[in-house]
Amino acid sequence: MKFPASPWQTVGPFFSIGMESRYVSDVAGPNATGQRVTISGRVFDGDEAPISDAVLEIWQANAHGKYAHPDDTQNKPLDPNFLGHGRIPTDADGRFEFSTIKPGPVTLPNRGSQAPHLSISLMMRGLLRRLTTRIYFPDEPLNASDLILQLVKPARRKTLILVPDARRSAHFLWDIHMQGAAETVFFDF
């Protein structure tokens, strides 16, 4: 017998108890091949207040465009030092930061390549299901032909594009807005 969750049964702050030991803020691993980058930002609710108990989960391909997963059968090299996933919490001000490498383009069978991107899942109190989105690198030529990015209306794509931090080299900024005029695009995968 199944007992479906009723509307008041939402995920609360307690979910971090089982996840804290699995937080990983270096998605690529310290010795992974590729261009090192740092990505930081904040998570905001519909009133632009920071969300202090969100957890971001990151998945990405390595610098060659291959995932560290047995289902990725592309004929591309694996990097033994590449982790490919991470999980980080937001702090009391809704801030997060993680380091990684810029992923390579992922080849699609008979469809060209996806632009370098990171897949992001977001979990927090009040959500019964995780939200999924992507982030892309600015000035990336493959952004213009990426099949997923092209599904997003041009005016909304900026919510998925990293912003270079003028103060720090190889550092990008990206905020997540749950609602409102700057709402981040989320996908229903």
N, C-alpha and C. Protein backbone atom coordinates (compact mmCIF):
# COMPACT_ATOMS: atom_id res chain seq x y z
N MET A 1 0.85 -1.17 0.00
CA MET A 1 0.00 0.00 0.00
C MET A 1 0.89 1.24 0.00
N LYS A 2 0.54 2.21 -0.83
CA LYS A 2 1.29 3.46 -0.89
C LYS A 2 0.53 4.54 -0.13
N PHE A 3 1.28 5.41 0.50
CA PHE A 3 0.71 6.56 1.19
C PHE A 3 1.26 7.82 0.54
N PRO A 4 0.51 8.43 -0.38
CA PRO A 4 1.01 9.63 -1.04
C PRO A 4 1.13 10.79 -0.04
N ALA A 5 2.09 11.64 -0.30
CA ALA A 5 2.30 12.80 0.57
C ALA A 5 1.14 13.77 0.41
N SER A 6 0.66 14.28 1.52
CA SER A 6 -0.37 15.31 1.46
C SER A 6 0.35 16.66 1.38
N PRO A 7 -0.36 17.73 1.01
CA PRO A 7 0.30 19.01 0.78
C PRO A 7 1.13 19.52 1.95
N TRP A 8 0.81 19.20 3.16
CA TRP A 8 1.56 19.72 4.30
C TRP A 8 2.83 18.91 4.57
N GLN A 9 2.98 17.76 3.89
CA GLN A 9 4.15 16.93 4.11
C GLN A 9 5.25 17.32 3.13
N THR A 10 5.94 18.39 3.42
CA THR A 10 7.00 18.85 2.53
C THR A 10 8.36 18.52 3.13
N VAL A 11 9.35 18.55 2.27
CA VAL A 11 10.71 18.30 2.74
C VAL A 11 11.12 19.48 3.60
N GLY A 12 11.67 19.20 4.75
CA GLY A 12 12.07 20.27 5.66
C GLY A 12 13.57 20.32 5.84
N PRO A 13 14.03 21.17 6.73
CA PRO A 13 15.46 21.31 6.96
C PRO A 13 16.15 20.02 7.40
N PHE A 14 15.35 19.07 7.90
CA PHE A 14 15.93 17.82 8.37
C PHE A 14 16.61 17.02 7.27
N PHE A 15 16.30 17.27 5.99
CA PHE A 15 16.89 16.45 4.94
C PHE A 15 18.40 16.61 4.87
N SER A 16 18.92 17.68 5.40
CA SER A 16 20.37 17.87 5.38
C SER A 16 21.10 16.88 6.28
N ILE A 17 20.41 16.32 7.26
CA ILE A 17 21.04 15.39 8.18
C ILE A 17 21.66 14.21 7.43
N GLY A 18 20.95 13.66 6.49
CA GLY A 18 21.45 12.52 5.74
C GLY A 18 22.38 12.89 4.61
N MET A 19 22.51 14.17 4.31
CA MET A 19 23.31 14.59 3.17
C MET A 19 24.64 15.24 3.55
N GLU A 20 24.76 15.73 4.75
CA GLU A 20 25.95 16.49 5.13
C GLU A 20 27.24 15.74 4.87
N SER A 21 27.25 14.45 5.10
CA SER A 21 28.48 13.68 4.88
C SER A 21 28.78 13.51 3.39
N ARG A 22 27.84 13.87 2.55
CA ARG A 22 28.03 13.72 1.10
C ARG A 22 28.23 15.04 0.38
N TYR A 23 28.45 16.12 1.11
CA TYR A 23 28.71 17.39 0.47
C TYR A 23 30.08 17.34 -0.20
N VAL A 24 30.14 17.77 -1.45
CA VAL A 24 31.38 17.82 -2.22
C VAL A 24 31.37 19.14 -2.97
N SER A 25 32.32 20.02 -2.68
CA SER A 25 32.34 21.33 -3.33
C SER A 25 33.35 21.43 -4.47
N ASP A 26 34.18 20.39 -4.67
CA ASP A 26 35.08 20.35 -5.81
C ASP A 26 34.55 19.27 -6.76
N VAL A 27 33.74 19.70 -7.71
CA VAL A 27 33.01 18.80 -8.60
C VAL A 27 33.95 17.97 -9.46
N ALA A 28 35.07 18.55 -9.86
CA ALA A 28 35.98 17.85 -10.77
C ALA A 28 37.03 17.03 -10.05
N GLY A 29 37.32 17.35 -8.82
CA GLY A 29 38.44 16.72 -8.13
C GLY A 29 39.69 17.58 -8.32
N PRO A 30 40.58 17.58 -7.36
CA PRO A 30 41.72 18.51 -7.39
C PRO A 30 42.71 18.30 -8.53
N ASN A 31 42.80 17.09 -9.09
CA ASN A 31 43.79 16.84 -10.14
C ASN A 31 43.16 16.57 -11.50
N ALA A 32 41.92 16.95 -11.69
CA ALA A 32 41.25 16.73 -12.97
C ALA A 32 41.87 17.59 -14.06
N THR A 33 41.86 17.07 -15.27
CA THR A 33 42.37 17.80 -16.44
C THR A 33 41.33 18.81 -16.89
N GLY A 34 41.77 20.00 -17.25
CA GLY A 34 40.86 21.00 -17.80
C GLY A 34 41.04 22.35 -17.16
N GLN A 35 40.33 23.32 -17.70
CA GLN A 35 40.38 24.70 -17.22
C GLN A 35 39.60 24.81 -15.91
N ARG A 36 40.28 25.12 -14.82
CA ARG A 36 39.64 25.26 -13.51
C ARG A 36 38.79 26.52 -13.48
N VAL A 37 37.59 26.39 -12.91
CA VAL A 37 36.70 27.53 -12.72
C VAL A 37 36.03 27.42 -11.35
N THR A 38 35.60 28.55 -10.85
CA THR A 38 34.82 28.61 -9.62
C THR A 38 33.50 29.28 -9.95
N ILE A 39 32.42 28.74 -9.41
CA ILE A 39 31.08 29.29 -9.64
C ILE A 39 30.46 29.57 -8.29
N SER A 40 29.97 30.79 -8.12
CA SER A 40 29.32 31.14 -6.87
C SER A 40 28.06 31.94 -7.15
N GLY A 41 27.18 31.96 -6.18
CA GLY A 41 25.94 32.70 -6.33
C GLY A 41 25.08 32.57 -5.10
N ARG A 42 23.83 32.91 -5.28
CA ARG A 42 22.86 32.86 -4.18
C ARG A 42 21.55 32.29 -4.69
N VAL A 43 20.76 31.77 -3.77
CA VAL A 43 19.42 31.26 -4.09
C VAL A 43 18.43 32.19 -3.40
N PHE A 44 17.46 32.69 -4.18
CA PHE A 44 16.47 33.65 -3.67
C PHE A 44 15.05 33.12 -3.85
N ASP A 45 14.17 33.48 -2.91
CA ASP A 45 12.76 33.13 -3.06
C ASP A 45 12.05 34.20 -3.89
N GLY A 46 10.74 34.12 -4.01
CA GLY A 46 9.98 35.06 -4.82
C GLY A 46 9.98 36.48 -4.31
N ASP A 47 10.32 36.67 -3.04
CA ASP A 47 10.41 38.01 -2.46
C ASP A 47 11.85 38.53 -2.45
N GLU A 48 12.75 37.84 -3.15
CA GLU A 48 14.18 38.17 -3.20
C GLU A 48 14.88 38.00 -1.85
N ALA A 49 14.29 37.19 -0.97
CA ALA A 49 14.95 36.86 0.30
C ALA A 49 15.82 35.62 0.06
N PRO A 50 17.01 35.57 0.67
CA PRO A 50 17.88 34.41 0.48
C PRO A 50 17.29 33.14 1.09
N ILE A 51 17.55 32.02 0.45
CA ILE A 51 17.09 30.72 0.95
C ILE A 51 18.30 30.03 1.57
N SER A 52 18.21 29.82 2.86
CA SER A 52 19.37 29.35 3.63
C SER A 52 19.50 27.84 3.74
N ASP A 53 18.51 27.10 3.28
CA ASP A 53 18.58 25.65 3.46
C ASP A 53 18.43 24.87 2.16
N ALA A 54 18.89 25.46 1.06
CA ALA A 54 18.85 24.76 -0.23
C ALA A 54 20.11 23.92 -0.39
N VAL A 55 20.01 22.90 -1.20
CA VAL A 55 21.16 22.07 -1.57
C VAL A 55 21.18 21.96 -3.09
N LEU A 56 22.34 22.26 -3.67
CA LEU A 56 22.53 22.13 -5.11
C LEU A 56 23.30 20.84 -5.37
N GLU A 57 22.85 20.10 -6.36
CA GLU A 57 23.58 18.92 -6.80
C GLU A 57 24.02 19.19 -8.23
N ILE A 58 25.29 18.97 -8.51
CA ILE A 58 25.88 19.30 -9.80
C ILE A 58 26.36 18.03 -10.48
N TRP A 59 26.08 17.90 -11.79
CA TRP A 59 26.57 16.80 -12.62
C TRP A 59 27.12 17.41 -13.89
N GLN A 60 28.24 16.89 -14.37
CA GLN A 60 28.81 17.43 -15.59
C GLN A 60 29.74 16.44 -16.25
N ALA A 61 30.04 16.70 -17.52
CA ALA A 61 31.01 15.91 -18.28
C ALA A 61 32.42 16.43 -17.97
N ASN A 62 33.42 15.62 -18.31
CA ASN A 62 34.81 16.04 -18.11
C ASN A 62 35.25 16.99 -19.23
N ALA A 63 36.51 17.36 -19.25
CA ALA A 63 37.02 18.32 -20.24
C ALA A 63 36.93 17.78 -21.67
N HIS A 64 36.79 16.47 -21.82
CA HIS A 64 36.66 15.85 -23.15
C HIS A 64 35.20 15.68 -23.56
N GLY A 65 34.27 16.01 -22.67
CA GLY A 65 32.85 15.87 -22.96
C GLY A 65 32.30 14.50 -22.65
N LYS A 66 32.93 13.77 -21.72
CA LYS A 66 32.48 12.43 -21.34
C LYS A 66 32.12 12.42 -19.86
N TYR A 67 30.98 11.82 -19.56
CA TYR A 67 30.54 11.69 -18.17
C TYR A 67 31.24 10.52 -17.50
N ALA A 68 31.50 10.66 -16.21
CA ALA A 68 32.08 9.58 -15.41
C ALA A 68 30.96 8.66 -14.97
N HIS A 69 30.34 8.02 -15.94
CA HIS A 69 29.19 7.16 -15.67
C HIS A 69 29.20 6.03 -16.69
N PRO A 70 28.90 4.80 -16.27
CA PRO A 70 28.95 3.67 -17.21
C PRO A 70 28.00 3.78 -18.40
N ASP A 71 26.93 4.56 -18.28
CA ASP A 71 25.99 4.71 -19.39
C ASP A 71 26.53 5.61 -20.50
N ASP A 72 27.60 6.36 -20.24
CA ASP A 72 28.19 7.20 -21.27
C ASP A 72 29.16 6.34 -22.07
N THR A 73 28.74 5.94 -23.27
CA THR A 73 29.54 5.05 -24.10
C THR A 73 30.27 5.79 -25.21
N GLN A 74 30.37 7.11 -25.12
CA GLN A 74 31.10 7.87 -26.13
C GLN A 74 32.56 7.40 -26.18
N ASN A 75 33.12 7.42 -27.37
CA ASN A 75 34.52 7.05 -27.53
C ASN A 75 35.39 8.27 -27.25
N LYS A 76 35.39 8.68 -25.99
CA LYS A 76 36.18 9.81 -25.51
C LYS A 76 36.91 9.37 -24.26
N PRO A 77 38.04 10.00 -23.95
CA PRO A 77 38.81 9.56 -22.78
C PRO A 77 38.13 9.87 -21.45
N LEU A 78 38.29 8.95 -20.52
CA LEU A 78 37.90 9.18 -19.14
C LEU A 78 39.08 9.82 -18.43
N ASP A 79 38.81 10.65 -17.47
CA ASP A 79 39.85 11.25 -16.65
C ASP A 79 39.78 10.58 -15.28
N PRO A 80 40.79 9.80 -14.89
CA PRO A 80 40.72 9.09 -13.61
C PRO A 80 40.65 10.03 -12.41
N ASN A 81 41.01 11.29 -12.61
CA ASN A 81 40.98 12.26 -11.52
C ASN A 81 39.70 13.09 -11.50
N PHE A 82 38.78 12.80 -12.43
CA PHE A 82 37.55 13.59 -12.58
C PHE A 82 36.41 12.94 -11.81
N LEU A 83 35.82 13.69 -10.89
CA LEU A 83 34.71 13.19 -10.10
C LEU A 83 33.40 13.32 -10.88
N GLY A 84 33.09 14.52 -11.36
CA GLY A 84 31.92 14.72 -12.21
C GLY A 84 30.63 15.05 -11.52
N HIS A 85 30.63 15.08 -10.19
CA HIS A 85 29.40 15.45 -9.48
C HIS A 85 29.77 16.06 -8.13
N GLY A 86 28.87 16.85 -7.61
CA GLY A 86 29.07 17.46 -6.31
C GLY A 86 27.74 17.81 -5.69
N ARG A 87 27.79 18.14 -4.43
CA ARG A 87 26.57 18.52 -3.70
C ARG A 87 26.99 19.56 -2.68
N ILE A 88 26.34 20.71 -2.72
CA ILE A 88 26.71 21.80 -1.81
C ILE A 88 25.46 22.47 -1.24
N PRO A 89 25.55 22.87 0.03
CA PRO A 89 24.44 23.59 0.65
C PRO A 89 24.61 25.10 0.49
N THR A 90 23.51 25.81 0.67
CA THR A 90 23.61 27.26 0.78
C THR A 90 23.86 27.61 2.24
N ASP A 91 24.46 28.77 2.46
CA ASP A 91 24.70 29.21 3.84
C ASP A 91 23.54 30.06 4.33
N ALA A 92 23.69 30.69 5.46
CA ALA A 92 22.61 31.49 6.07
C ALA A 92 22.16 32.64 5.18
N ASP A 93 23.02 33.09 4.26
CA ASP A 93 22.68 34.17 3.34
C ASP A 93 22.30 33.65 1.95
N GLY A 94 22.05 32.34 1.85
CA GLY A 94 21.67 31.76 0.57
C GLY A 94 22.82 31.59 -0.41
N ARG A 95 24.05 31.75 0.06
CA ARG A 95 25.22 31.68 -0.82
C ARG A 95 25.70 30.24 -1.00
N PHE A 96 26.27 30.00 -2.18
CA PHE A 96 26.93 28.73 -2.48
C PHE A 96 28.16 29.03 -3.31
N GLU A 97 29.10 28.10 -3.31
CA GLU A 97 30.29 28.22 -4.15
C GLU A 97 30.86 26.83 -4.36
N PHE A 98 31.28 26.55 -5.59
CA PHE A 98 31.94 25.29 -5.88
C PHE A 98 32.99 25.50 -6.97
N SER A 99 33.93 24.59 -7.02
CA SER A 99 34.96 24.64 -8.06
C SER A 99 34.81 23.41 -8.95
N THR A 100 35.28 23.56 -10.18
CA THR A 100 35.18 22.48 -11.15
C THR A 100 36.10 22.79 -12.32
N ILE A 101 35.93 22.08 -13.41
CA ILE A 101 36.60 22.39 -14.67
C ILE A 101 35.51 22.69 -15.70
N LYS A 102 35.87 23.44 -16.71
CA LYS A 102 34.90 23.69 -17.79
C LYS A 102 34.74 22.38 -18.55
N PRO A 103 33.51 21.88 -18.66
CA PRO A 103 33.30 20.62 -19.38
C PRO A 103 33.46 20.80 -20.88
N GLY A 104 33.77 19.70 -21.55
CA GLY A 104 33.81 19.73 -23.01
C GLY A 104 32.42 19.50 -23.57
N PRO A 105 32.24 19.72 -24.87
CA PRO A 105 30.95 19.47 -25.49
C PRO A 105 30.61 17.98 -25.48
N VAL A 106 29.36 17.66 -25.20
CA VAL A 106 28.89 16.28 -25.19
C VAL A 106 28.28 15.98 -26.55
N THR A 107 28.76 14.95 -27.20
CA THR A 107 28.28 14.58 -28.53
C THR A 107 26.93 13.88 -28.41
N LEU A 108 26.01 14.27 -29.28
CA LEU A 108 24.70 13.62 -29.36
C LEU A 108 24.65 12.77 -30.62
N PRO A 109 24.13 11.57 -30.54
CA PRO A 109 24.05 10.73 -31.75
C PRO A 109 23.23 11.42 -32.85
N ASN A 110 23.83 11.62 -33.99
CA ASN A 110 23.19 12.22 -35.17
C ASN A 110 22.64 13.62 -34.94
N ARG A 111 23.10 14.32 -33.91
CA ARG A 111 22.55 15.65 -33.63
C ARG A 111 23.61 16.67 -33.28
N GLY A 112 24.85 16.42 -33.56
CA GLY A 112 25.90 17.38 -33.23
C GLY A 112 26.30 17.27 -31.77
N SER A 113 26.64 18.41 -31.18
CA SER A 113 27.12 18.42 -29.80
C SER A 113 26.33 19.41 -28.96
N GLN A 114 26.20 19.08 -27.69
CA GLN A 114 25.64 20.01 -26.72
C GLN A 114 26.73 21.00 -26.32
N ALA A 115 26.37 22.19 -26.03
CA ALA A 115 27.33 23.18 -25.53
C ALA A 115 27.83 22.75 -24.15
N PRO A 116 29.05 23.12 -23.78
CA PRO A 116 29.52 22.83 -22.43
C PRO A 116 28.52 23.38 -21.40
N HIS A 117 28.12 22.53 -20.48
CA HIS A 117 27.12 22.94 -19.49
C HIS A 117 27.26 22.10 -18.24
N LEU A 118 26.63 22.55 -17.18
CA LEU A 118 26.53 21.80 -15.93
C LEU A 118 25.05 21.58 -15.66
N SER A 119 24.69 20.38 -15.26
CA SER A 119 23.31 20.09 -14.87
C SER A 119 23.19 20.31 -13.37
N ILE A 120 22.15 21.02 -12.97
CA ILE A 120 21.96 21.39 -11.57
C ILE A 120 20.60 20.90 -11.09
N SER A 121 20.60 20.23 -9.95
CA SER A 121 19.36 19.90 -9.25
C SER A 121 19.30 20.73 -7.99
N LEU A 122 18.14 21.18 -7.64
CA LEU A 122 17.96 22.03 -6.47
C LEU A 122 16.92 21.40 -5.56
N MET A 123 17.29 21.24 -4.28
CA MET A 123 16.38 20.70 -3.27
C MET A 123 16.32 21.69 -2.12
N MET A 124 15.15 21.79 -1.50
CA MET A 124 14.98 22.69 -0.35
C MET A 124 13.64 22.42 0.31
N ARG A 125 13.46 23.04 1.46
CA ARG A 125 12.17 22.89 2.15
C ARG A 125 11.06 23.41 1.25
N GLY A 126 9.94 22.75 1.35
CA GLY A 126 8.80 23.18 0.56
C GLY A 126 8.71 22.52 -0.81
N LEU A 127 9.74 21.82 -1.23
CA LEU A 127 9.70 21.13 -2.53
C LEU A 127 9.54 19.63 -2.30
N LEU A 128 8.55 19.05 -2.94
CA LEU A 128 8.41 17.60 -2.87
C LEU A 128 9.28 16.91 -3.91
N ARG A 129 9.61 17.62 -4.96
CA ARG A 129 10.49 17.10 -6.01
C ARG A 129 11.59 18.11 -6.28
N ARG A 130 12.73 17.61 -6.62
CA ARG A 130 13.85 18.49 -6.95
C ARG A 130 13.52 19.27 -8.22
N LEU A 131 14.14 20.42 -8.35
CA LEU A 131 14.06 21.21 -9.57
C LEU A 131 15.35 20.99 -10.35
N THR A 132 15.26 20.99 -11.66
CA THR A 132 16.42 20.73 -12.50
C THR A 132 16.60 21.87 -13.48
N THR A 133 17.86 22.29 -13.64
CA THR A 133 18.19 23.32 -14.59
C THR A 133 19.59 23.06 -15.14
N ARG A 134 20.08 23.96 -15.94
CA ARG A 134 21.43 23.87 -16.48
C ARG A 134 22.08 25.25 -16.40
N ILE A 135 23.40 25.24 -16.40
CA ILE A 135 24.12 26.50 -16.57
C ILE A 135 25.13 26.34 -17.70
N TYR A 136 25.23 27.40 -18.49
CA TYR A 136 26.09 27.44 -19.67
C TYR A 136 27.14 28.53 -19.51
N PHE A 137 28.20 28.41 -20.26
CA PHE A 137 29.29 29.38 -20.21
C PHE A 137 29.04 30.49 -21.23
N PRO A 138 29.38 31.73 -20.87
CA PRO A 138 29.16 32.85 -21.80
C PRO A 138 30.11 32.76 -22.99
N ASP A 139 29.70 33.36 -24.08
CA ASP A 139 30.52 33.44 -25.29
C ASP A 139 30.96 32.07 -25.81
N GLU A 140 30.17 31.07 -25.54
CA GLU A 140 30.46 29.72 -26.03
C GLU A 140 29.78 29.55 -27.39
N PRO A 141 30.53 29.31 -28.48
CA PRO A 141 29.92 29.21 -29.81
C PRO A 141 28.81 28.15 -29.90
N LEU A 142 28.95 27.03 -29.19
CA LEU A 142 27.93 25.97 -29.28
C LEU A 142 26.62 26.33 -28.59
N ASN A 143 26.59 27.42 -27.81
CA ASN A 143 25.32 27.84 -27.19
C ASN A 143 24.26 28.10 -28.26
N ALA A 144 24.70 28.61 -29.41
CA ALA A 144 23.74 28.97 -30.47
C ALA A 144 23.04 27.76 -31.06
N SER A 145 23.62 26.56 -30.92
CA SER A 145 23.00 25.37 -31.50
C SER A 145 22.64 24.30 -30.46
N ASP A 146 22.83 24.59 -29.18
CA ASP A 146 22.50 23.62 -28.15
C ASP A 146 21.00 23.35 -28.14
N LEU A 147 20.62 22.08 -28.29
CA LEU A 147 19.21 21.72 -28.42
C LEU A 147 18.38 22.11 -27.20
N ILE A 148 18.91 21.93 -26.01
CA ILE A 148 18.16 22.26 -24.80
C ILE A 148 18.05 23.78 -24.63
N LEU A 149 19.15 24.48 -24.81
CA LEU A 149 19.13 25.94 -24.67
C LEU A 149 18.19 26.58 -25.69
N GLN A 150 18.08 25.99 -26.87
CA GLN A 150 17.19 26.54 -27.89
C GLN A 150 15.72 26.36 -27.56
N LEU A 151 15.41 25.48 -26.60
CA LEU A 151 14.02 25.32 -26.15
C LEU A 151 13.55 26.49 -25.29
N VAL A 152 14.50 27.26 -24.79
CA VAL A 152 14.21 28.38 -23.89
C VAL A 152 14.03 29.66 -24.71
N LYS A 153 13.00 30.43 -24.39
CA LYS A 153 12.79 31.70 -25.09
C LYS A 153 14.03 32.57 -24.94
N PRO A 154 14.44 33.27 -26.01
CA PRO A 154 15.67 34.08 -25.96
C PRO A 154 15.75 35.03 -24.77
N ALA A 155 14.65 35.65 -24.40
CA ALA A 155 14.67 36.61 -23.29
C ALA A 155 14.94 35.93 -21.94
N ARG A 156 14.68 34.64 -21.84
CA ARG A 156 14.86 33.91 -20.57
C ARG A 156 16.19 33.17 -20.49
N ARG A 157 16.91 33.05 -21.59
CA ARG A 157 18.17 32.29 -21.62
C ARG A 157 19.21 32.84 -20.67
N LYS A 158 19.17 34.15 -20.43
CA LYS A 158 20.19 34.75 -19.57
C LYS A 158 20.15 34.16 -18.15
N THR A 159 19.03 33.56 -17.75
CA THR A 159 18.97 32.95 -16.41
C THR A 159 19.80 31.68 -16.33
N LEU A 160 20.27 31.19 -17.48
CA LEU A 160 21.06 29.96 -17.54
C LEU A 160 22.52 30.21 -17.92
N ILE A 161 22.88 31.45 -18.14
CA ILE A 161 24.24 31.77 -18.59
C ILE A 161 25.05 32.36 -17.44
N LEU A 162 26.22 31.79 -17.21
CA LEU A 162 27.12 32.31 -16.17
C LEU A 162 27.59 33.72 -16.52
N VAL A 163 27.85 34.51 -15.50
CA VAL A 163 28.36 35.88 -15.68
C VAL A 163 29.79 35.91 -15.18
N PRO A 164 30.75 36.32 -16.01
CA PRO A 164 32.13 36.40 -15.54
C PRO A 164 32.26 37.41 -14.40
N ASP A 165 33.01 37.05 -13.38
CA ASP A 165 33.28 37.94 -12.25
C ASP A 165 34.48 38.81 -12.62
N ALA A 166 34.27 40.09 -12.81
CA ALA A 166 35.34 41.00 -13.22
C ALA A 166 36.43 41.13 -12.17
N ARG A 167 36.14 40.77 -10.93
CA ARG A 167 37.11 40.92 -9.84
C ARG A 167 38.06 39.74 -9.71
N ARG A 168 37.64 38.57 -10.23
CA ARG A 168 38.45 37.35 -10.06
C ARG A 168 38.54 36.57 -11.36
N SER A 169 39.73 36.14 -11.68
CA SER A 169 39.96 35.35 -12.88
C SER A 169 39.37 33.95 -12.73
N ALA A 170 38.81 33.40 -13.82
CA ALA A 170 38.24 32.05 -13.84
C ALA A 170 37.14 31.87 -12.79
N HIS A 171 36.42 32.93 -12.52
CA HIS A 171 35.34 32.89 -11.54
C HIS A 171 34.07 33.40 -12.22
N PHE A 172 32.97 32.68 -11.99
CA PHE A 172 31.70 33.03 -12.60
C PHE A 172 30.63 33.17 -11.52
N LEU A 173 29.65 34.02 -11.81
CA LEU A 173 28.53 34.26 -10.91
C LEU A 173 27.25 33.72 -11.54
N TRP A 174 26.39 33.17 -10.69
CA TRP A 174 25.10 32.66 -11.17
C TRP A 174 24.15 32.58 -9.99
N ASP A 175 23.08 33.35 -10.04
CA ASP A 175 22.07 33.33 -8.99
C ASP A 175 20.86 32.53 -9.45
N ILE A 176 20.20 31.92 -8.49
CA ILE A 176 18.98 31.16 -8.74
C ILE A 176 17.82 31.93 -8.12
N HIS A 177 16.82 32.22 -8.93
CA HIS A 177 15.62 32.91 -8.46
C HIS A 177 14.44 31.96 -8.62
N MET A 178 13.78 31.67 -7.52
CA MET A 178 12.69 30.70 -7.53
C MET A 178 11.43 31.23 -8.21
N GLN A 179 11.21 32.53 -8.13
CA GLN A 179 10.02 33.16 -8.72
C GLN A 179 10.36 34.60 -9.06
N GLY A 180 9.44 35.25 -9.72
CA GLY A 180 9.59 36.68 -9.98
C GLY A 180 10.10 36.96 -11.39
N ALA A 181 10.40 38.23 -11.64
CA ALA A 181 10.81 38.68 -12.97
C ALA A 181 12.09 38.00 -13.45
N ALA A 182 12.99 37.68 -12.53
CA ALA A 182 14.27 37.05 -12.88
C ALA A 182 14.26 35.55 -12.65
N GLU A 183 13.07 34.93 -12.58
CA GLU A 183 12.96 33.51 -12.27
C GLU A 183 13.85 32.66 -13.19
N THR A 184 14.60 31.78 -12.57
CA THR A 184 15.46 30.87 -13.30
C THR A 184 14.61 29.87 -14.08
N VAL A 185 15.07 29.52 -15.26
CA VAL A 185 14.38 28.49 -16.05
C VAL A 185 14.69 27.13 -15.45
N PHE A 186 13.64 26.37 -15.17
CA PHE A 186 13.77 25.01 -14.69
C PHE A 186 13.17 24.08 -15.73
N PHE A 187 13.73 22.87 -15.84
CA PHE A 187 13.29 21.90 -16.83
C PHE A 187 12.55 20.76 -16.14
N ASP A 188 11.63 20.17 -16.87
CA ASP A 188 10.88 19.03 -16.37
C ASP A 188 11.40 17.78 -17.07
N PHE A 189 12.53 17.28 -16.59
CA PHE A 189 13.15 16.08 -17.20
C PHE A 189 12.58 14.85 -16.57
